[in-house]
Amino acid sequence: QVQMVESGGGLVQAGGSLRLSCSASGSIFYVNLINVMAWYRQAPGKQRELVASITRGGSPNYADSVKGRFTISSDNGKKVYLQMNSLKPEDTAVYYCNANIGRFDSWGQGTQVTVSE
């Protein structure tokens, strides 16, 4: 129905920045039903956690751990971005984009973010 594809992960030193991108594709009908897009992350041995989300109306929400450092934005409800600044080693994780469509969620394959030092 809907496919999510992330890009932009990589290796960066503490204090650096990365910009993640994710595009939703597939059935136009289902893509137009997306009401929330979000970024999650999961570190090895840890629970997957919500990093940031943005609603159809453009209202963002952030985890306390990233507030003030990360910015989520969207493009016509079909693309979502995560600008990550002042990165810390604790931000190291696989980052997944997510799109909510009613009772369903579509997930990307994940992109690795590694912050050294």
PDB file of N, CA and C in Angstrom:
ATOM      1  N   GLN A   1       0.823  -1.198   0.000  1.00  0.00           N
ATOM      2  CA  GLN A   1       0.000   0.000   0.000  1.00  0.00           C
ATOM      3  C   GLN A   1       0.862   1.256   0.000  1.00  0.00           C
ATOM      4  N   VAL A   2       1.671   1.448   1.045  1.00  0.00           N
ATOM      5  CA  VAL A   2       2.553   2.598   1.139  1.00  0.00           C
ATOM      6  C   VAL A   2       3.946   2.113   1.507  1.00  0.00           C
ATOM      7  N   GLN A   3       4.917   2.596   0.773  1.00  0.00           N
ATOM      8  CA  GLN A   3       6.309   2.268   1.053  1.00  0.00           C
ATOM      9  C   GLN A   3       7.046   3.510   1.535  1.00  0.00           C
ATOM     10  N   MET A   4       7.892   3.325   2.536  1.00  0.00           N
ATOM     11  CA  MET A   4       8.671   4.408   3.097  1.00  0.00           C
ATOM     12  C   MET A   4      10.146   4.114   2.865  1.00  0.00           C
ATOM     13  N   VAL A   5      10.877   5.099   2.384  1.00  0.00           N
ATOM     14  CA  VAL A   5      12.295   4.934   2.107  1.00  0.00           C
ATOM     15  C   VAL A   5      13.074   6.074   2.740  1.00  0.00           C
ATOM     16  N   GLU A   6      13.995   5.725   3.647  1.00  0.00           N
ATOM     17  CA  GLU A   6      14.814   6.720   4.330  1.00  0.00           C
ATOM     18  C   GLU A   6      16.173   6.866   3.662  1.00  0.00           C
ATOM     19  N   SER A   7      16.784   8.009   3.902  1.00  0.00           N
ATOM     20  CA  SER A   7      18.147   8.243   3.479  1.00  0.00           C
ATOM     21  C   SER A   7      18.746   9.322   4.367  1.00  0.00           C
ATOM     22  N   GLY A   8      20.059   9.452   4.336  1.00  0.00           N
ATOM     23  CA  GLY A   8      20.726  10.531   5.035  1.00  0.00           C
ATOM     24  C   GLY A   8      21.507  10.135   6.265  1.00  0.00           C
ATOM     25  N   GLY A   9      21.429   8.879   6.665  1.00  0.00           N
ATOM     26  CA  GLY A   9      22.191   8.440   7.817  1.00  0.00           C
ATOM     27  C   GLY A   9      23.678   8.407   7.510  1.00  0.00           C
ATOM     28  N   GLY A  10      24.464   8.251   8.553  1.00  0.00           N
ATOM     29  CA  GLY A  10      25.898   8.195   8.365  1.00  0.00           C
ATOM     30  C   GLY A  10      26.644   8.314   9.667  1.00  0.00           C
ATOM     31  N   LEU A  11      27.942   8.542   9.543  1.00  0.00           N
ATOM     32  CA  LEU A  11      28.837   8.686  10.683  1.00  0.00           C
ATOM     33  C   LEU A  11      29.212  10.148  10.839  1.00  0.00           C
ATOM     34  N   VAL A  12      29.083  10.648  12.045  1.00  0.00           N
ATOM     35  CA  VAL A  12      29.393  12.047  12.308  1.00  0.00           C
ATOM     36  C   VAL A  12      29.985  12.175  13.704  1.00  0.00           C
ATOM     37  N   GLN A  13      30.824  13.171  13.889  1.00  0.00           N
ATOM     38  CA  GLN A  13      31.388  13.431  15.204  1.00  0.00           C
ATOM     39  C   GLN A  13      30.389  14.160  16.090  1.00  0.00           C
ATOM     40  N   ALA A  14      30.546  13.992  17.383  1.00  0.00           N
ATOM     41  CA  ALA A  14      29.698  14.707  18.328  1.00  0.00           C
ATOM     42  C   ALA A  14      29.724  16.198  18.026  1.00  0.00           C
ATOM     43  N   GLY A  15      28.544  16.797  18.080  1.00  0.00           N
ATOM     44  CA  GLY A  15      28.413  18.200  17.760  1.00  0.00           C
ATOM     45  C   GLY A  15      28.073  18.461  16.312  1.00  0.00           C
ATOM     46  N   GLY A  16      28.171  17.440  15.492  1.00  0.00           N
ATOM     47  CA  GLY A  16      27.884  17.580  14.081  1.00  0.00           C
ATOM     48  C   GLY A  16      26.409  17.482  13.770  1.00  0.00           C
ATOM     49  N   SER A  17      26.104  17.490  12.481  1.00  0.00           N
ATOM     50  CA  SER A  17      24.721  17.494  12.022  1.00  0.00           C
ATOM     51  C   SER A  17      24.499  16.477  10.912  1.00  0.00           C
ATOM     52  N   LEU A  18      23.290  15.992  10.837  1.00  0.00           N
ATOM     53  CA  LEU A  18      22.831  15.141   9.748  1.00  0.00           C
ATOM     54  C   LEU A  18      21.393  15.503   9.436  1.00  0.00           C
ATOM     55  N   ARG A  19      21.006  15.281   8.196  1.00  0.00           N
ATOM     56  CA  ARG A  19      19.628  15.505   7.785  1.00  0.00           C
ATOM     57  C   ARG A  19      19.081  14.217   7.184  1.00  0.00           C
ATOM     58  N   LEU A  20      18.057  13.673   7.807  1.00  0.00           N
ATOM     59  CA  LEU A  20      17.414  12.469   7.332  1.00  0.00           C
ATOM     60  C   LEU A  20      16.208  12.833   6.472  1.00  0.00           C
ATOM     61  N   SER A  21      15.980  12.040   5.439  1.00  0.00           N
ATOM     62  CA  SER A  21      14.840  12.242   4.563  1.00  0.00           C
ATOM     63  C   SER A  21      14.084  10.939   4.417  1.00  0.00           C
ATOM     64  N   CYS A  22      12.788  11.039   4.209  1.00  0.00           N
ATOM     65  CA  CYS A  22      11.966   9.867   3.995  1.00  0.00           C
ATOM     66  C   CYS A  22      10.835  10.220   3.053  1.00  0.00           C
ATOM     67  N   SER A  23      10.610   9.362   2.078  1.00  0.00           N
ATOM     68  CA  SER A  23       9.553   9.577   1.110  1.00  0.00           C
ATOM     69  C   SER A  23       8.536   8.444   1.166  1.00  0.00           C
ATOM     70  N   ALA A  24       7.275   8.815   1.105  1.00  0.00           N
ATOM     71  CA  ALA A  24       6.190   7.850   1.038  1.00  0.00           C
ATOM     72  C   ALA A  24       5.765   7.688  -0.414  1.00  0.00           C
ATOM     73  N   SER A  25       5.589   6.455  -0.833  1.00  0.00           N
ATOM     74  CA  SER A  25       5.158   6.193  -2.191  1.00  0.00           C
ATOM     75  C   SER A  25       4.218   4.997  -2.209  1.00  0.00           C
ATOM     76  N   GLY A  26       3.588   4.790  -3.348  1.00  0.00           N
ATOM     77  CA  GLY A  26       2.647   3.703  -3.497  1.00  0.00           C
ATOM     78  C   GLY A  26       1.297   4.224  -3.943  1.00  0.00           C
ATOM     79  N   SER A  27       0.260   3.587  -3.458  1.00  0.00           N
ATOM     80  CA  SER A  27      -1.099   3.981  -3.818  1.00  0.00           C
ATOM     81  C   SER A  27      -1.362   5.428  -3.454  1.00  0.00           C
ATOM     82  N   ILE A  28      -1.758   6.204  -4.422  1.00  0.00           N
ATOM     83  CA  ILE A  28      -2.090   7.602  -4.166  1.00  0.00           C
ATOM     84  C   ILE A  28      -3.214   7.705  -3.142  1.00  0.00           C
ATOM     85  N   PHE A  29      -4.168   6.779  -3.242  1.00  0.00           N
ATOM     86  CA  PHE A  29      -5.277   6.776  -2.302  1.00  0.00           C
ATOM     87  C   PHE A  29      -4.780   6.670  -0.862  1.00  0.00           C
ATOM     88  N   TYR A  30      -3.899   5.702  -0.602  1.00  0.00           N
ATOM     89  CA  TYR A  30      -3.422   5.501   0.755  1.00  0.00           C
ATOM     90  C   TYR A  30      -2.461   6.604   1.193  1.00  0.00           C
ATOM     91  N   VAL A  31      -1.599   7.043   0.304  1.00  0.00           N
ATOM     92  CA  VAL A  31      -0.670   8.116   0.646  1.00  0.00           C
ATOM     93  C   VAL A  31      -1.425   9.354   1.108  1.00  0.00           C
ATOM     94  N   ASN A  32      -2.536   9.627   0.481  1.00  0.00           N
ATOM     95  CA  ASN A  32      -3.323  10.798   0.849  1.00  0.00           C
ATOM     96  C   ASN A  32      -4.046  10.634   2.177  1.00  0.00           C
ATOM     97  N   LEU A  33      -4.037   9.435   2.731  1.00  0.00           N
ATOM     98  CA  LEU A  33      -4.671   9.191   4.018  1.00  0.00           C
ATOM     99  C   LEU A  33      -3.704   9.324   5.186  1.00  0.00           C
ATOM    100  N   ILE A  34      -2.435   9.557   4.903  1.00  0.00           N
ATOM    101  CA  ILE A  34      -1.452   9.713   5.964  1.00  0.00           C
ATOM    102  C   ILE A  34      -1.819  10.922   6.820  1.00  0.00           C
ATOM    103  N   ASN A  35      -1.923  10.713   8.111  1.00  0.00           N
ATOM    104  CA  ASN A  35      -2.263  11.820   8.999  1.00  0.00           C
ATOM    105  C   ASN A  35      -1.125  12.223   9.930  1.00  0.00           C
ATOM    106  N   VAL A  36      -0.189  11.326  10.163  1.00  0.00           N
ATOM    107  CA  VAL A  36       0.974  11.641  10.985  1.00  0.00           C
ATOM    108  C   VAL A  36       2.204  10.981  10.373  1.00  0.00           C
ATOM    109  N   MET A  37       3.287  11.711  10.315  1.00  0.00           N
ATOM    110  CA  MET A  37       4.570  11.144   9.926  1.00  0.00           C
ATOM    111  C   MET A  37       5.534  11.355  11.085  1.00  0.00           C
ATOM    112  N   ALA A  38       6.430  10.406  11.259  1.00  0.00           N
ATOM    113  CA  ALA A  38       7.272  10.438  12.444  1.00  0.00           C
ATOM    114  C   ALA A  38       8.611   9.779  12.195  1.00  0.00           C
ATOM    115  N   TRP A  39       9.532  10.056  13.103  1.00  0.00           N
ATOM    116  CA  TRP A  39      10.822   9.395  13.150  1.00  0.00           C
ATOM    117  C   TRP A  39      10.958   8.676  14.473  1.00  0.00           C
ATOM    118  N   TYR A  40      11.335   7.421  14.406  1.00  0.00           N
ATOM    119  CA  TYR A  40      11.656   6.622  15.574  1.00  0.00           C
ATOM    120  C   TYR A  40      13.115   6.225  15.496  1.00  0.00           C
ATOM    121  N   ARG A  41      13.650   5.783  16.616  1.00  0.00           N
ATOM    122  CA  ARG A  41      14.997   5.250  16.607  1.00  0.00           C
ATOM    123  C   ARG A  41      15.095   4.087  17.572  1.00  0.00           C
ATOM    124  N   GLN A  42      16.038   3.211  17.298  1.00  0.00           N
ATOM    125  CA  GLN A  42      16.259   2.056  18.148  1.00  0.00           C
ATOM    126  C   GLN A  42      17.744   1.746  18.224  1.00  0.00           C
ATOM    127  N   ALA A  43      18.268   1.788  19.423  1.00  0.00           N
ATOM    128  CA  ALA A  43      19.645   1.408  19.672  1.00  0.00           C
ATOM    129  C   ALA A  43      19.680  -0.069  20.049  1.00  0.00           C
ATOM    130  N   PRO A  44      20.807  -0.739  19.835  1.00  0.00           N
ATOM    131  CA  PRO A  44      20.899  -2.160  20.175  1.00  0.00           C
ATOM    132  C   PRO A  44      20.518  -2.428  21.626  1.00  0.00           C
ATOM    133  N   GLY A  45      19.646  -3.399  21.827  1.00  0.00           N
ATOM    134  CA  GLY A  45      19.221  -3.759  23.165  1.00  0.00           C
ATOM    135  C   GLY A  45      18.239  -2.802  23.800  1.00  0.00           C
ATOM    136  N   LYS A  46      17.822  -1.797  23.060  1.00  0.00           N
ATOM    137  CA  LYS A  46      16.900  -0.805  23.587  1.00  0.00           C
ATOM    138  C   LYS A  46      15.555  -0.876  22.880  1.00  0.00           C
ATOM    139  N   GLN A  47      14.547  -0.332  23.524  1.00  0.00           N
ATOM    140  CA  GLN A  47      13.233  -0.240  22.917  1.00  0.00           C
ATOM    141  C   GLN A  47      13.227   0.832  21.832  1.00  0.00           C
ATOM    142  N   ARG A  48      12.422   0.602  20.812  1.00  0.00           N
ATOM    143  CA  ARG A  48      12.240   1.629  19.811  1.00  0.00           C
ATOM    144  C   ARG A  48      11.488   2.802  20.442  1.00  0.00           C
ATOM    145  N   GLU A  49      11.972   4.004  20.202  1.00  0.00           N
ATOM    146  CA  GLU A  49      11.370   5.171  20.807  1.00  0.00           C
ATOM    147  C   GLU A  49      11.023   6.217  19.767  1.00  0.00           C
ATOM    148  N   LEU A  50       9.985   6.950  20.058  1.00  0.00           N
ATOM    149  CA  LEU A  50       9.576   8.045  19.196  1.00  0.00           C
ATOM    150  C   LEU A  50      10.523   9.218  19.381  1.00  0.00           C
ATOM    151  N   VAL A  51      11.058   9.714  18.290  1.00  0.00           N
ATOM    152  CA  VAL A  51      11.958  10.855  18.317  1.00  0.00           C
ATOM    153  C   VAL A  51      11.201  12.143  18.044  1.00  0.00           C
ATOM    154  N   ALA A  52      10.418  12.137  16.988  1.00  0.00           N
ATOM    155  CA  ALA A  52       9.664  13.322  16.598  1.00  0.00           C
ATOM    156  C   ALA A  52       8.530  12.919  15.688  1.00  0.00           C
ATOM    157  N   SER A  53       7.473  13.693  15.696  1.00  0.00           N
ATOM    158  CA  SER A  53       6.341  13.448  14.816  1.00  0.00           C
ATOM    159  C   SER A  53       5.785  14.767  14.332  1.00  0.00           C
ATOM    160  N   ILE A  54       5.050  14.694  13.241  1.00  0.00           N
ATOM    161  CA  ILE A  54       4.415  15.887  12.704  1.00  0.00           C
ATOM    162  C   ILE A  54       3.076  15.487  12.109  1.00  0.00           C
ATOM    163  N   THR A  55       2.054  16.256  12.420  1.00  0.00           N
ATOM    164  CA  THR A  55       0.709  15.952  11.967  1.00  0.00           C
ATOM    165  C   THR A  55       0.450  16.539  10.595  1.00  0.00           C
ATOM    166  N   ARG A  56      -0.689  16.159  10.015  1.00  0.00           N
ATOM    167  CA  ARG A  56      -1.121  16.704   8.742  1.00  0.00           C
ATOM    168  C   ARG A  56      -1.133  18.237   8.791  1.00  0.00           C
ATOM    169  N   GLY A  57      -1.530  18.776   9.937  1.00  0.00           N
ATOM    170  CA  GLY A  57      -1.604  20.215  10.094  1.00  0.00           C
ATOM    171  C   GLY A  57      -0.280  20.886  10.378  1.00  0.00           C
ATOM    172  N   GLY A  58       0.788  20.105  10.489  1.00  0.00           N
ATOM    173  CA  GLY A  58       2.103  20.667  10.682  1.00  0.00           C
ATOM    174  C   GLY A  58       2.534  20.845  12.124  1.00  0.00           C
ATOM    175  N   SER A  59       1.794  20.268  13.050  1.00  0.00           N
ATOM    176  CA  SER A  59       2.147  20.389  14.464  1.00  0.00           C
ATOM    177  C   SER A  59       3.211  19.362  14.833  1.00  0.00           C
ATOM    178  N   PRO A  60       4.382  19.827  15.278  1.00  0.00           N
ATOM    179  CA  PRO A  60       5.452  18.895  15.632  1.00  0.00           C
ATOM    180  C   PRO A  60       5.429  18.507  17.100  1.00  0.00           C
ATOM    181  N   ASN A  61       6.017  17.375  17.378  1.00  0.00           N
ATOM    182  CA  ASN A  61       6.198  16.916  18.740  1.00  0.00           C
ATOM    183  C   ASN A  61       7.554  16.244  18.827  1.00  0.00           C
ATOM    184  N   TYR A  62       8.254  16.440  19.956  1.00  0.00           N
ATOM    185  CA  TYR A  62       9.610  15.934  20.101  1.00  0.00           C
ATOM    186  C   TYR A  62       9.800  15.221  21.420  1.00  0.00           C
ATOM    187  N   ALA A  63      10.634  14.209  21.389  1.00  0.00           N
ATOM    188  CA  ALA A  63      11.080  13.599  22.627  1.00  0.00           C
ATOM    189  C   ALA A  63      11.923  14.608  23.394  1.00  0.00           C
ATOM    190  N   ASP A  64      11.843  14.553  24.714  1.00  0.00           N
ATOM    191  CA  ASP A  64      12.603  15.489  25.531  1.00  0.00           C
ATOM    192  C   ASP A  64      14.101  15.432  25.239  1.00  0.00           C
ATOM    193  N   SER A  65      14.591  14.257  24.907  1.00  0.00           N
ATOM    194  CA  SER A  65      16.017  14.073  24.701  1.00  0.00           C
ATOM    195  C   SER A  65      16.558  14.782  23.461  1.00  0.00           C
ATOM    196  N   VAL A  66      15.674  15.130  22.531  1.00  0.00           N
ATOM    197  CA  VAL A  66      16.125  15.771  21.295  1.00  0.00           C
ATOM    198  C   VAL A  66      15.576  17.169  21.122  1.00  0.00           C
ATOM    199  N   LYS A  67      14.692  17.567  21.992  1.00  0.00           N
ATOM    200  CA  LYS A  67      14.066  18.871  21.871  1.00  0.00           C
ATOM    201  C   LYS A  67      15.121  19.973  21.894  1.00  0.00           C
ATOM    202  N   GLY A  68      15.010  20.888  20.948  1.00  0.00           N
ATOM    203  CA  GLY A  68      15.968  21.964  20.840  1.00  0.00           C
ATOM    204  C   GLY A  68      17.139  21.652  19.940  1.00  0.00           C
ATOM    205  N   ARG A  69      17.320  20.375  19.603  1.00  0.00           N
ATOM    206  CA  ARG A  69      18.414  19.969  18.729  1.00  0.00           C
ATOM    207  C   ARG A  69      17.931  19.448  17.380  1.00  0.00           C
ATOM    208  N   PHE A  70      16.787  18.779  17.381  1.00  0.00           N
ATOM    209  CA  PHE A  70      16.241  18.188  16.164  1.00  0.00           C
ATOM    210  C   PHE A  70      15.036  18.984  15.690  1.00  0.00           C
ATOM    211  N   THR A  71      14.831  18.997  14.386  1.00  0.00           N
ATOM    212  CA  THR A  71      13.676  19.648  13.802  1.00  0.00           C
ATOM    213  C   THR A  71      13.050  18.732  12.760  1.00  0.00           C
ATOM    214  N   ILE A  72      11.760  18.478  12.907  1.00  0.00           N
ATOM    215  CA  ILE A  72      11.043  17.664  11.948  1.00  0.00           C
ATOM    216  C   ILE A  72      10.239  18.574  11.027  1.00  0.00           C
ATOM    217  N   SER A  73      10.168  18.216   9.772  1.00  0.00           N
ATOM    218  CA  SER A  73       9.378  18.970   8.814  1.00  0.00           C
ATOM    219  C   SER A  73       8.810  18.011   7.780  1.00  0.00           C
ATOM    220  N   SER A  74       7.803  18.461   7.059  1.00  0.00           N
ATOM    221  CA  SER A  74       7.177  17.622   6.054  1.00  0.00           C
ATOM    222  C   SER A  74       6.943  18.396   4.772  1.00  0.00           C
ATOM    223  N   ASP A  75       6.735  17.647   3.705  1.00  0.00           N
ATOM    224  CA  ASP A  75       6.509  18.216   2.390  1.00  0.00           C
ATOM    225  C   ASP A  75       5.263  17.572   1.802  1.00  0.00           C
ATOM    226  N   ASN A  76       4.162  18.289   1.876  1.00  0.00           N
ATOM    227  CA  ASN A  76       2.890  17.853   1.296  1.00  0.00           C
ATOM    228  C   ASN A  76       2.408  16.508   1.825  1.00  0.00           C
ATOM    229  N   GLY A  77       2.828  16.175   3.026  1.00  0.00           N
ATOM    230  CA  GLY A  77       2.383  14.945   3.645  1.00  0.00           C
ATOM    231  C   GLY A  77       2.947  13.682   3.025  1.00  0.00           C
ATOM    232  N   LYS A  78       3.898  13.829   2.106  1.00  0.00           N
ATOM    233  CA  LYS A  78       4.473  12.671   1.423  1.00  0.00           C
ATOM    234  C   LYS A  78       5.953  12.491   1.702  1.00  0.00           C
ATOM    235  N   LYS A  79       6.567  13.515   2.248  1.00  0.00           N
ATOM    236  CA  LYS A  79       7.968  13.446   2.624  1.00  0.00           C
ATOM    237  C   LYS A  79       8.128  13.993   4.035  1.00  0.00           C
ATOM    238  N   VAL A  80       9.049  13.430   4.759  1.00  0.00           N
ATOM    239  CA  VAL A  80       9.340  13.910   6.091  1.00  0.00           C
ATOM    240  C   VAL A  80      10.850  13.983   6.262  1.00  0.00           C
ATOM    241  N   TYR A  81      11.294  15.016   6.964  1.00  0.00           N
ATOM    242  CA  TYR A  81      12.706  15.259   7.160  1.00  0.00           C
ATOM    243  C   TYR A  81      12.994  15.389   8.645  1.00  0.00           C
ATOM    244  N   LEU A  82      14.201  15.060   9.009  1.00  0.00           N
ATOM    245  CA  LEU A  82      14.650  15.264  10.374  1.00  0.00           C
ATOM    246  C   LEU A  82      16.025  15.906  10.329  1.00  0.00           C
ATOM    247  N   GLN A  83      16.078  17.173  10.676  1.00  0.00           N
ATOM    248  CA  GLN A  83      17.345  17.883  10.784  1.00  0.00           C
ATOM    249  C   GLN A  83      17.882  17.664  12.185  1.00  0.00           C
ATOM    250  N   MET A  84      19.048  17.064  12.285  1.00  0.00           N
ATOM    251  CA  MET A  84      19.638  16.718  13.566  1.00  0.00           C
ATOM    252  C   MET A  84      20.908  17.533  13.762  1.00  0.00           C
ATOM    253  N   ASN A  85      20.887  18.401  14.744  1.00  0.00           N
ATOM    254  CA  ASN A  85      22.027  19.236  15.072  1.00  0.00           C
ATOM    255  C   ASN A  85      22.558  18.893  16.458  1.00  0.00           C
ATOM    256  N   SER A  86      23.768  19.330  16.728  1.00  0.00           N
ATOM    257  CA  SER A  86      24.393  19.102  18.031  1.00  0.00           C
ATOM    258  C   SER A  86      24.293  17.644  18.446  1.00  0.00           C
ATOM    259  N   LEU A  87      24.636  16.773  17.538  1.00  0.00           N
ATOM    260  CA  LEU A  87      24.484  15.342  17.786  1.00  0.00           C
ATOM    261  C   LEU A  87      25.389  14.871  18.915  1.00  0.00           C
ATOM    262  N   LYS A  88      24.869  13.929  19.671  1.00  0.00           N
ATOM    263  CA  LYS A  88      25.567  13.333  20.797  1.00  0.00           C
ATOM    264  C   LYS A  88      25.741  11.843  20.556  1.00  0.00           C
ATOM    265  N   PRO A  89      26.739  11.233  21.189  1.00  0.00           N
ATOM    266  CA  PRO A  89      26.897   9.780  21.048  1.00  0.00           C
ATOM    267  C   PRO A  89      25.628   9.014  21.424  1.00  0.00           C
ATOM    268  N   GLU A  90      24.867   9.542  22.355  1.00  0.00           N
ATOM    269  CA  GLU A  90      23.623   8.911  22.772  1.00  0.00           C
ATOM    270  C   GLU A  90      22.573   8.878  21.665  1.00  0.00           C
ATOM    271  N   ASP A  91      22.773   9.643  20.611  1.00  0.00           N
ATOM    272  CA  ASP A  91      21.847   9.639  19.482  1.00  0.00           C
ATOM    273  C   ASP A  91      22.103   8.484  18.526  1.00  0.00           C
ATOM    274  N   THR A  92      23.174   7.755  18.739  1.00  0.00           N
ATOM    275  CA  THR A  92      23.501   6.632  17.872  1.00  0.00           C
ATOM    276  C   THR A  92      22.388   5.588  17.910  1.00  0.00           C
ATOM    277  N   ALA A  93      21.862   5.261  16.743  1.00  0.00           N
ATOM    278  CA  ALA A  93      20.758   4.314  16.643  1.00  0.00           C
ATOM    279  C   ALA A  93      20.410   4.124  15.176  1.00  0.00           C
ATOM    280  N   VAL A  94      19.546   3.159  14.929  1.00  0.00           N
ATOM    281  CA  VAL A  94      18.920   3.045  13.625  1.00  0.00           C
ATOM    282  C   VAL A  94      17.661   3.892  13.662  1.00  0.00           C
ATOM    283  N   TYR A  95      17.534   4.772  12.702  1.00  0.00           N
ATOM    284  CA  TYR A  95      16.397   5.670  12.635  1.00  0.00           C
ATOM    285  C   TYR A  95      15.409   5.186  11.582  1.00  0.00           C
ATOM    286  N   TYR A  96      14.143   5.145  11.958  1.00  0.00           N
ATOM    287  CA  TYR A  96      13.085   4.668  11.088  1.00  0.00           C
ATOM    288  C   TYR A  96      12.049   5.754  10.877  1.00  0.00           C
ATOM    289  N   CYS A  97      11.616   5.934   9.652  1.00  0.00           N
ATOM    290  CA  CYS A  97      10.489   6.822   9.430  1.00  0.00           C
ATOM    291  C   CYS A  97       9.205   6.015   9.462  1.00  0.00           C
ATOM    292  N   ASN A  98       8.142   6.696   9.799  1.00  0.00           N
ATOM    293  CA  ASN A  98       6.857   6.057  10.001  1.00  0.00           C
ATOM    294  C   ASN A  98       5.745   6.946   9.462  1.00  0.00           C
ATOM    295  N   ALA A  99       4.762   6.317   8.879  1.00  0.00           N
ATOM    296  CA  ALA A  99       3.567   7.029   8.438  1.00  0.00           C
ATOM    297  C   ALA A  99       2.353   6.308   8.981  1.00  0.00           C
ATOM    298  N   ASN A 100       1.483   7.052   9.638  1.00  0.00           N
ATOM    299  CA  ASN A 100       0.267   6.476  10.169  1.00  0.00           C
ATOM    300  C   ASN A 100      -0.890   6.724   9.226  1.00  0.00           C
ATOM    301  N   ILE A 101      -1.592   5.649   8.913  1.00  0.00           N
ATOM    302  CA  ILE A 101      -2.768   5.709   8.063  1.00  0.00           C
ATOM    303  C   ILE A 101      -3.881   4.993   8.798  1.00  0.00           C
ATOM    304  N   GLY A 102      -4.701   5.755   9.489  1.00  0.00           N
ATOM    305  CA  GLY A 102      -5.747   5.153  10.281  1.00  0.00           C
ATOM    306  C   GLY A 102      -5.172   4.200  11.308  1.00  0.00           C
ATOM    307  N   ARG A 103      -5.595   2.952  11.253  1.00  0.00           N
ATOM    308  CA  ARG A 103      -5.115   1.949  12.189  1.00  0.00           C
ATOM    309  C   ARG A 103      -3.800   1.311  11.741  1.00  0.00           C
ATOM    310  N   PHE A 104      -3.293   1.707  10.585  1.00  0.00           N
ATOM    311  CA  PHE A 104      -2.114   1.077  10.026  1.00  0.00           C
ATOM    312  C   PHE A 104      -0.902   1.988  10.109  1.00  0.00           C
ATOM    313  N   ASP A 105       0.267   1.374  10.170  1.00  0.00           N
ATOM    314  CA  ASP A 105       1.531   2.087  10.152  1.00  0.00           C
ATOM    315  C   ASP A 105       2.435   1.500   9.084  1.00  0.00           C
ATOM    316  N   SER A 106       3.060   2.371   8.321  1.00  0.00           N
ATOM    317  CA  SER A 106       4.060   1.960   7.347  1.00  0.00           C
ATOM    318  C   SER A 106       5.424   2.400   7.837  1.00  0.00           C
ATOM    319  N   TRP A 107       6.393   1.511   7.711  1.00  0.00           N
ATOM    320  CA  TRP A 107       7.739   1.749   8.232  1.00  0.00           C
ATOM    321  C   TRP A 107       8.780   1.683   7.138  1.00  0.00           C
ATOM    322  N   GLY A 108       9.789   2.517   7.270  1.00  0.00           N
ATOM    323  CA  GLY A 108      10.934   2.432   6.390  1.00  0.00           C
ATOM    324  C   GLY A 108      11.871   1.338   6.841  1.00  0.00           C
ATOM    325  N   GLN A 109      12.919   1.129   6.065  1.00  0.00           N
ATOM    326  CA  GLN A 109      13.867   0.051   6.347  1.00  0.00           C
ATOM    327  C   GLN A 109      14.883   0.425   7.426  1.00  0.00           C
ATOM    328  N   GLY A 110      14.970   1.684   7.737  1.00  0.00           N
ATOM    329  CA  GLY A 110      15.900   2.158   8.740  1.00  0.00           C
ATOM    330  C   GLY A 110      17.191   2.664   8.139  1.00  0.00           C
ATOM    331  N   THR A 111      17.756   3.672   8.761  1.00  0.00           N
ATOM    332  CA  THR A 111      19.048   4.199   8.348  1.00  0.00           C
ATOM    333  C   THR A 111      19.908   4.410   9.591  1.00  0.00           C
ATOM    334  N   GLN A 112      21.149   3.973   9.512  1.00  0.00           N
ATOM    335  CA  GLN A 112      22.036   4.008  10.667  1.00  0.00           C
ATOM    336  C   GLN A 112      22.616   5.397  10.875  1.00  0.00           C
ATOM    337  N   VAL A 113      22.530   5.871  12.092  1.00  0.00           N
ATOM    338  CA  VAL A 113      23.181   7.112  12.502  1.00  0.00           C
ATOM    339  C   VAL A 113      24.169   6.766  13.609  1.00  0.00           C
ATOM    340  N   THR A 114      25.427   7.084  13.385  1.00  0.00           N
ATOM    341  CA  THR A 114      26.463   6.819  14.365  1.00  0.00           C
ATOM    342  C   THR A 114      27.178   8.119  14.702  1.00  0.00           C
ATOM    343  N   VAL A 115      27.209   8.434  15.980  1.00  0.00           N
ATOM    344  CA  VAL A 115      27.855   9.652  16.457  1.00  0.00           C
ATOM    345  C   VAL A 115      29.052   9.250  17.301  1.00  0.00           C
ATOM    346  N   SER A 116      30.227   9.640  16.878  1.00  0.00           N
ATOM    347  CA  SER A 116      31.459   9.261  17.557  1.00  0.00           C
ATOM    348  C   SER A 116      31.873  10.290  18.599  1.00  0.00           C
ATOM    349  N   GLU A 117      32.772   9.851  19.478  1.00  0.00           N
ATOM    350  CA  GLU A 117      33.318  10.668  20.563  1.00  0.00           C
ATOM    351  C   GLU A 117      32.256  11.134  21.538  1.00  0.00           C
TER     352      GLU A 117
END
